[in-house]
Amino acid sequence: QVQITESGGGLVQPGGSLRLSCAVSGSIFSTYAMGWYRQAPGKQRELVASISRVGSTTDYAESVKGRFTISRDNVKKTVYLQMDSLKFEDTAVYYCNGAVRHLAGDYWGQGTQVTVSS
């Protein structure tokens, strides 16, 4: 059974940095391209970064390109999101899941809140 646990969010000033982590239980992690998603209040959830199964390929939404870096550790079954130069508009709940197909149907973890505020 898959369980997704995101962590690392918090309150940060504009220009600051945070590193998010997402641990996935079970044995399927290394077989999935993974992604970080975010959902801001009143908006739809959007994919902001993705990484291939072995970590050789990454892709980013234009809004975060050059500021966010996704990485993964298949031994630890964890995917990371390094967020630098944070902006007010990065405020959202951040989730991880499969990037092409989700890990377990409609299941999502609880997410981690990122708030960028002065």
N, C-alpha and C. Protein backbone atom coordinates (compact mmCIF):
# COMPACT_ATOMS: atom_id res chain seq x y z
N GLN A 1 0.84 -1.19 0.00
CA GLN A 1 0.00 0.00 0.00
C GLN A 1 0.88 1.24 0.00
N VAL A 2 0.56 2.19 -0.86
CA VAL A 2 1.35 3.39 -1.01
C VAL A 2 0.94 4.43 0.02
N GLN A 3 1.94 5.05 0.61
CA GLN A 3 1.69 6.20 1.47
C GLN A 3 2.68 7.30 1.07
N ILE A 4 2.16 8.51 0.90
CA ILE A 4 2.96 9.66 0.49
C ILE A 4 3.01 10.64 1.65
N THR A 5 4.22 11.06 2.03
CA THR A 5 4.37 11.99 3.15
C THR A 5 5.26 13.14 2.72
N GLU A 6 4.67 14.32 2.58
CA GLU A 6 5.41 15.52 2.23
C GLU A 6 5.78 16.29 3.50
N SER A 7 6.93 16.96 3.45
CA SER A 7 7.38 17.74 4.60
C SER A 7 8.31 18.85 4.13
N GLY A 8 8.61 19.77 5.03
CA GLY A 8 9.59 20.80 4.75
C GLY A 8 9.03 22.18 4.46
N GLY A 9 7.73 22.29 4.40
CA GLY A 9 7.14 23.60 4.15
C GLY A 9 7.27 24.53 5.32
N GLY A 10 6.85 25.77 5.12
CA GLY A 10 6.92 26.74 6.20
C GLY A 10 6.68 28.14 5.70
N LEU A 11 6.96 29.09 6.57
CA LEU A 11 6.83 30.51 6.26
C LEU A 11 8.21 31.06 5.92
N VAL A 12 8.30 31.73 4.81
CA VAL A 12 9.59 32.26 4.37
C VAL A 12 9.38 33.62 3.72
N GLN A 13 10.37 34.48 3.83
CA GLN A 13 10.28 35.80 3.21
C GLN A 13 10.59 35.70 1.71
N PRO A 14 10.12 36.65 0.94
CA PRO A 14 10.47 36.67 -0.49
C PRO A 14 11.99 36.66 -0.66
N GLY A 15 12.43 35.86 -1.64
CA GLY A 15 13.87 35.71 -1.85
C GLY A 15 14.49 34.57 -1.06
N GLY A 16 13.74 34.02 -0.14
CA GLY A 16 14.25 32.94 0.69
C GLY A 16 14.20 31.58 0.01
N SER A 17 14.59 30.57 0.77
CA SER A 17 14.67 29.20 0.24
C SER A 17 14.01 28.21 1.18
N LEU A 18 13.53 27.14 0.61
CA LEU A 18 13.02 25.99 1.35
C LEU A 18 13.37 24.73 0.58
N ARG A 19 13.48 23.64 1.31
CA ARG A 19 13.69 22.34 0.68
C ARG A 19 12.58 21.39 1.13
N LEU A 20 11.80 20.96 0.17
CA LEU A 20 10.71 20.03 0.46
C LEU A 20 11.17 18.60 0.25
N SER A 21 10.60 17.71 1.04
CA SER A 21 10.87 16.28 0.90
C SER A 21 9.56 15.53 0.76
N CYS A 22 9.60 14.43 0.04
CA CYS A 22 8.41 13.59 -0.11
C CYS A 22 8.86 12.14 -0.05
N ALA A 23 8.45 11.46 1.00
CA ALA A 23 8.78 10.05 1.17
C ALA A 23 7.61 9.19 0.73
N VAL A 24 7.92 8.14 -0.01
CA VAL A 24 6.89 7.24 -0.54
C VAL A 24 7.15 5.84 -0.03
N SER A 25 6.16 5.28 0.62
CA SER A 25 6.30 3.90 1.12
C SER A 25 6.00 2.92 0.00
N GLY A 26 6.40 1.67 0.21
CA GLY A 26 6.13 0.66 -0.79
C GLY A 26 7.30 0.49 -1.74
N SER A 27 7.11 -0.38 -2.71
CA SER A 27 8.21 -0.77 -3.58
C SER A 27 8.13 -0.20 -4.99
N ILE A 28 7.19 0.68 -5.23
CA ILE A 28 6.97 1.13 -6.60
C ILE A 28 7.71 2.41 -6.96
N PHE A 29 8.32 3.07 -5.96
CA PHE A 29 8.84 4.43 -6.17
C PHE A 29 9.75 4.51 -7.38
N SER A 30 10.70 3.61 -7.49
CA SER A 30 11.70 3.72 -8.55
C SER A 30 11.15 3.44 -9.94
N THR A 31 9.93 2.96 -10.02
CA THR A 31 9.34 2.66 -11.33
C THR A 31 8.50 3.82 -11.87
N TYR A 32 8.43 4.91 -11.10
CA TYR A 32 7.60 6.04 -11.48
C TYR A 32 8.42 7.30 -11.70
N ALA A 33 8.15 8.01 -12.81
CA ALA A 33 8.56 9.40 -12.88
C ALA A 33 7.77 10.15 -11.82
N MET A 34 8.42 11.05 -11.12
CA MET A 34 7.77 11.74 -10.01
C MET A 34 7.64 13.24 -10.28
N GLY A 35 6.67 13.82 -9.64
CA GLY A 35 6.46 15.24 -9.82
C GLY A 35 6.09 15.94 -8.53
N TRP A 36 6.38 17.21 -8.50
CA TRP A 36 5.88 18.09 -7.44
C TRP A 36 4.77 18.95 -8.03
N TYR A 37 3.70 19.01 -7.32
CA TYR A 37 2.54 19.79 -7.70
C TYR A 37 2.28 20.85 -6.63
N ARG A 38 1.52 21.85 -6.99
CA ARG A 38 1.09 22.82 -5.99
C ARG A 38 -0.32 23.28 -6.29
N GLN A 39 -1.00 23.67 -5.22
CA GLN A 39 -2.35 24.20 -5.34
C GLN A 39 -2.48 25.43 -4.48
N ALA A 40 -2.68 26.54 -5.12
CA ALA A 40 -2.90 27.80 -4.42
C ALA A 40 -4.39 27.98 -4.15
N PRO A 41 -4.75 28.79 -3.18
CA PRO A 41 -6.17 29.00 -2.88
C PRO A 41 -6.95 29.45 -4.10
N GLY A 42 -8.05 28.77 -4.37
CA GLY A 42 -8.90 29.15 -5.48
C GLY A 42 -8.40 28.74 -6.84
N LYS A 43 -7.30 28.00 -6.88
CA LYS A 43 -6.72 27.59 -8.17
C LYS A 43 -6.64 26.07 -8.27
N GLN A 44 -6.50 25.59 -9.46
CA GLN A 44 -6.34 24.16 -9.68
C GLN A 44 -4.92 23.72 -9.35
N ARG A 45 -4.80 22.46 -8.99
CA ARG A 45 -3.49 21.90 -8.75
C ARG A 45 -2.70 21.87 -10.07
N GLU A 46 -1.42 22.24 -9.97
CA GLU A 46 -0.59 22.28 -11.17
C GLU A 46 0.73 21.57 -10.92
N LEU A 47 1.24 20.97 -11.97
CA LEU A 47 2.55 20.31 -11.91
C LEU A 47 3.63 21.36 -12.11
N VAL A 48 4.57 21.45 -11.17
CA VAL A 48 5.61 22.48 -11.29
C VAL A 48 6.98 21.89 -11.61
N ALA A 49 7.20 20.62 -11.30
CA ALA A 49 8.50 20.01 -11.58
C ALA A 49 8.33 18.51 -11.69
N SER A 50 9.10 17.90 -12.57
CA SER A 50 9.05 16.45 -12.72
C SER A 50 10.45 15.90 -12.93
N ILE A 51 10.60 14.61 -12.61
CA ILE A 51 11.90 13.96 -12.74
C ILE A 51 11.67 12.52 -13.19
N SER A 52 12.53 12.06 -14.07
CA SER A 52 12.38 10.71 -14.62
C SER A 52 12.70 9.66 -13.56
N ARG A 53 12.46 8.41 -13.90
CA ARG A 53 12.59 7.33 -12.93
C ARG A 53 14.00 7.22 -12.35
N VAL A 54 15.01 7.47 -13.16
CA VAL A 54 16.37 7.36 -12.67
C VAL A 54 16.99 8.72 -12.38
N GLY A 55 16.22 9.77 -12.58
CA GLY A 55 16.69 11.11 -12.25
C GLY A 55 17.52 11.78 -13.32
N SER A 56 17.55 11.21 -14.50
CA SER A 56 18.40 11.78 -15.55
C SER A 56 17.76 12.94 -16.29
N THR A 57 16.45 13.04 -16.19
CA THR A 57 15.73 14.09 -16.91
C THR A 57 14.80 14.82 -15.96
N THR A 58 14.83 16.14 -16.03
CA THR A 58 13.94 16.96 -15.22
C THR A 58 13.22 17.96 -16.13
N ASP A 59 12.10 18.44 -15.65
CA ASP A 59 11.32 19.43 -16.40
C ASP A 59 10.63 20.33 -15.40
N TYR A 60 10.43 21.59 -15.80
CA TYR A 60 9.88 22.58 -14.88
C TYR A 60 8.85 23.43 -15.58
N ALA A 61 7.87 23.87 -14.82
CA ALA A 61 6.96 24.88 -15.31
C ALA A 61 7.72 26.18 -15.50
N GLU A 62 7.29 26.97 -16.45
CA GLU A 62 7.99 28.22 -16.73
C GLU A 62 8.05 29.12 -15.50
N SER A 63 7.04 29.07 -14.68
CA SER A 63 6.96 29.96 -13.52
C SER A 63 8.02 29.67 -12.47
N VAL A 64 8.62 28.48 -12.50
CA VAL A 64 9.61 28.13 -11.48
C VAL A 64 10.97 27.81 -12.07
N LYS A 65 11.07 27.81 -13.38
CA LYS A 65 12.32 27.43 -14.04
C LYS A 65 13.44 28.37 -13.61
N GLY A 66 14.58 27.77 -13.27
CA GLY A 66 15.73 28.55 -12.82
C GLY A 66 15.73 28.84 -11.33
N ARG A 67 14.62 28.56 -10.65
CA ARG A 67 14.53 28.81 -9.20
C ARG A 67 14.34 27.52 -8.40
N PHE A 68 13.65 26.55 -8.97
CA PHE A 68 13.38 25.29 -8.29
C PHE A 68 14.23 24.18 -8.90
N THR A 69 14.63 23.22 -8.06
CA THR A 69 15.38 22.06 -8.52
C THR A 69 14.79 20.80 -7.90
N ILE A 70 14.41 19.87 -8.75
CA ILE A 70 13.87 18.61 -8.29
C ILE A 70 14.97 17.54 -8.33
N SER A 71 14.95 16.66 -7.35
CA SER A 71 15.91 15.56 -7.32
C SER A 71 15.24 14.38 -6.62
N ARG A 72 15.88 13.22 -6.71
CA ARG A 72 15.30 12.05 -6.08
C ARG A 72 16.39 11.11 -5.59
N ASP A 73 16.05 10.30 -4.61
CA ASP A 73 16.93 9.27 -4.08
C ASP A 73 16.12 7.98 -4.07
N ASN A 74 16.40 7.09 -5.01
CA ASN A 74 15.58 5.87 -5.12
C ASN A 74 15.85 4.88 -4.00
N VAL A 75 16.99 4.99 -3.35
CA VAL A 75 17.26 4.12 -2.20
C VAL A 75 16.40 4.56 -1.02
N LYS A 76 16.34 5.87 -0.80
CA LYS A 76 15.52 6.40 0.31
C LYS A 76 14.07 6.53 -0.09
N LYS A 77 13.74 6.31 -1.36
CA LYS A 77 12.37 6.44 -1.86
C LYS A 77 11.82 7.83 -1.52
N THR A 78 12.61 8.82 -1.85
CA THR A 78 12.28 10.20 -1.51
C THR A 78 12.56 11.10 -2.71
N VAL A 79 11.67 12.05 -2.93
CA VAL A 79 11.88 13.08 -3.94
C VAL A 79 11.94 14.43 -3.23
N TYR A 80 12.80 15.30 -3.73
CA TYR A 80 13.05 16.59 -3.10
C TYR A 80 12.70 17.73 -4.06
N LEU A 81 12.42 18.87 -3.46
CA LEU A 81 12.25 20.09 -4.25
C LEU A 81 12.98 21.22 -3.53
N GLN A 82 14.09 21.64 -4.10
CA GLN A 82 14.82 22.80 -3.59
C GLN A 82 14.21 24.04 -4.23
N MET A 83 13.73 24.94 -3.40
CA MET A 83 13.08 26.15 -3.88
C MET A 83 13.88 27.36 -3.44
N ASP A 84 14.40 28.09 -4.39
CA ASP A 84 15.18 29.29 -4.12
C ASP A 84 14.49 30.52 -4.71
N SER A 85 14.92 31.66 -4.27
CA SER A 85 14.36 32.93 -4.79
C SER A 85 12.84 32.91 -4.77
N LEU A 86 12.29 32.51 -3.65
CA LEU A 86 10.83 32.35 -3.55
C LEU A 86 10.11 33.68 -3.71
N LYS A 87 8.94 33.60 -4.33
CA LYS A 87 8.11 34.77 -4.59
C LYS A 87 6.77 34.60 -3.89
N PHE A 88 6.06 35.71 -3.73
CA PHE A 88 4.73 35.65 -3.12
C PHE A 88 3.86 34.61 -3.84
N GLU A 89 3.94 34.57 -5.14
CA GLU A 89 3.07 33.69 -5.92
C GLU A 89 3.42 32.22 -5.81
N ASP A 90 4.48 31.89 -5.10
CA ASP A 90 4.80 30.49 -4.83
C ASP A 90 4.01 29.94 -3.64
N THR A 91 3.29 30.81 -2.97
CA THR A 91 2.49 30.37 -1.84
C THR A 91 1.44 29.36 -2.29
N ALA A 92 1.44 28.19 -1.67
CA ALA A 92 0.53 27.11 -2.07
C ALA A 92 0.77 25.92 -1.15
N VAL A 93 -0.11 24.94 -1.27
CA VAL A 93 0.16 23.62 -0.68
C VAL A 93 0.86 22.80 -1.75
N TYR A 94 1.98 22.20 -1.37
CA TYR A 94 2.78 21.42 -2.30
C TYR A 94 2.60 19.93 -2.05
N TYR A 95 2.41 19.21 -3.13
CA TYR A 95 2.20 17.77 -3.09
C TYR A 95 3.17 17.06 -4.03
N CYS A 96 3.44 15.81 -3.77
CA CYS A 96 4.16 15.02 -4.76
C CYS A 96 3.30 13.83 -5.17
N ASN A 97 3.55 13.34 -6.36
CA ASN A 97 2.84 12.19 -6.90
C ASN A 97 3.55 11.78 -8.19
N GLY A 98 3.09 10.71 -8.78
CA GLY A 98 3.63 10.34 -10.07
C GLY A 98 3.41 11.46 -11.07
N ALA A 99 4.37 11.66 -11.95
CA ALA A 99 4.29 12.77 -12.89
C ALA A 99 3.48 12.42 -14.14
N VAL A 100 3.54 11.20 -14.58
CA VAL A 100 2.82 10.77 -15.78
C VAL A 100 1.55 10.03 -15.38
N ARG A 101 1.68 9.12 -14.45
CA ARG A 101 0.52 8.45 -13.87
C ARG A 101 0.69 8.45 -12.36
N HIS A 102 -0.42 8.63 -11.67
CA HIS A 102 -0.35 8.76 -10.22
C HIS A 102 -0.03 7.42 -9.57
N LEU A 103 0.51 7.50 -8.38
CA LEU A 103 0.99 6.31 -7.70
C LEU A 103 -0.14 5.37 -7.31
N ALA A 104 -1.27 5.91 -6.92
CA ALA A 104 -2.36 5.06 -6.43
C ALA A 104 -3.70 5.71 -6.70
N GLY A 105 -4.11 5.75 -7.93
CA GLY A 105 -5.42 6.28 -8.29
C GLY A 105 -5.59 7.73 -7.86
N ASP A 106 -6.64 8.00 -7.10
CA ASP A 106 -6.95 9.36 -6.68
C ASP A 106 -6.29 9.74 -5.35
N TYR A 107 -5.45 8.87 -4.84
CA TYR A 107 -4.82 9.14 -3.54
C TYR A 107 -3.74 10.21 -3.66
N TRP A 108 -3.78 11.15 -2.71
CA TRP A 108 -2.74 12.17 -2.55
C TRP A 108 -2.34 12.22 -1.08
N GLY A 109 -1.13 12.63 -0.83
CA GLY A 109 -0.71 12.86 0.54
C GLY A 109 -1.36 14.12 1.10
N GLN A 110 -0.96 14.48 2.30
CA GLN A 110 -1.58 15.64 2.96
C GLN A 110 -1.01 16.96 2.45
N GLY A 111 0.12 16.89 1.77
CA GLY A 111 0.75 18.11 1.27
C GLY A 111 1.51 18.84 2.36
N THR A 112 2.26 19.85 1.96
CA THR A 112 2.99 20.70 2.89
C THR A 112 2.80 22.15 2.46
N GLN A 113 2.45 23.00 3.42
CA GLN A 113 2.13 24.39 3.13
C GLN A 113 3.39 25.22 3.00
N VAL A 114 3.47 25.97 1.93
CA VAL A 114 4.54 26.95 1.73
C VAL A 114 3.90 28.32 1.66
N THR A 115 4.34 29.21 2.54
CA THR A 115 3.81 30.56 2.57
C THR A 115 4.97 31.53 2.41
N VAL A 116 4.89 32.35 1.39
CA VAL A 116 5.91 33.37 1.15
C VAL A 116 5.29 34.71 1.51
N SER A 117 5.84 35.31 2.54
CA SER A 117 5.25 36.55 3.05
C SER A 117 6.32 37.38 3.74
N SER A 118 6.16 38.69 3.64
CA SER A 118 7.09 39.59 4.32
C SER A 118 6.50 40.02 5.66
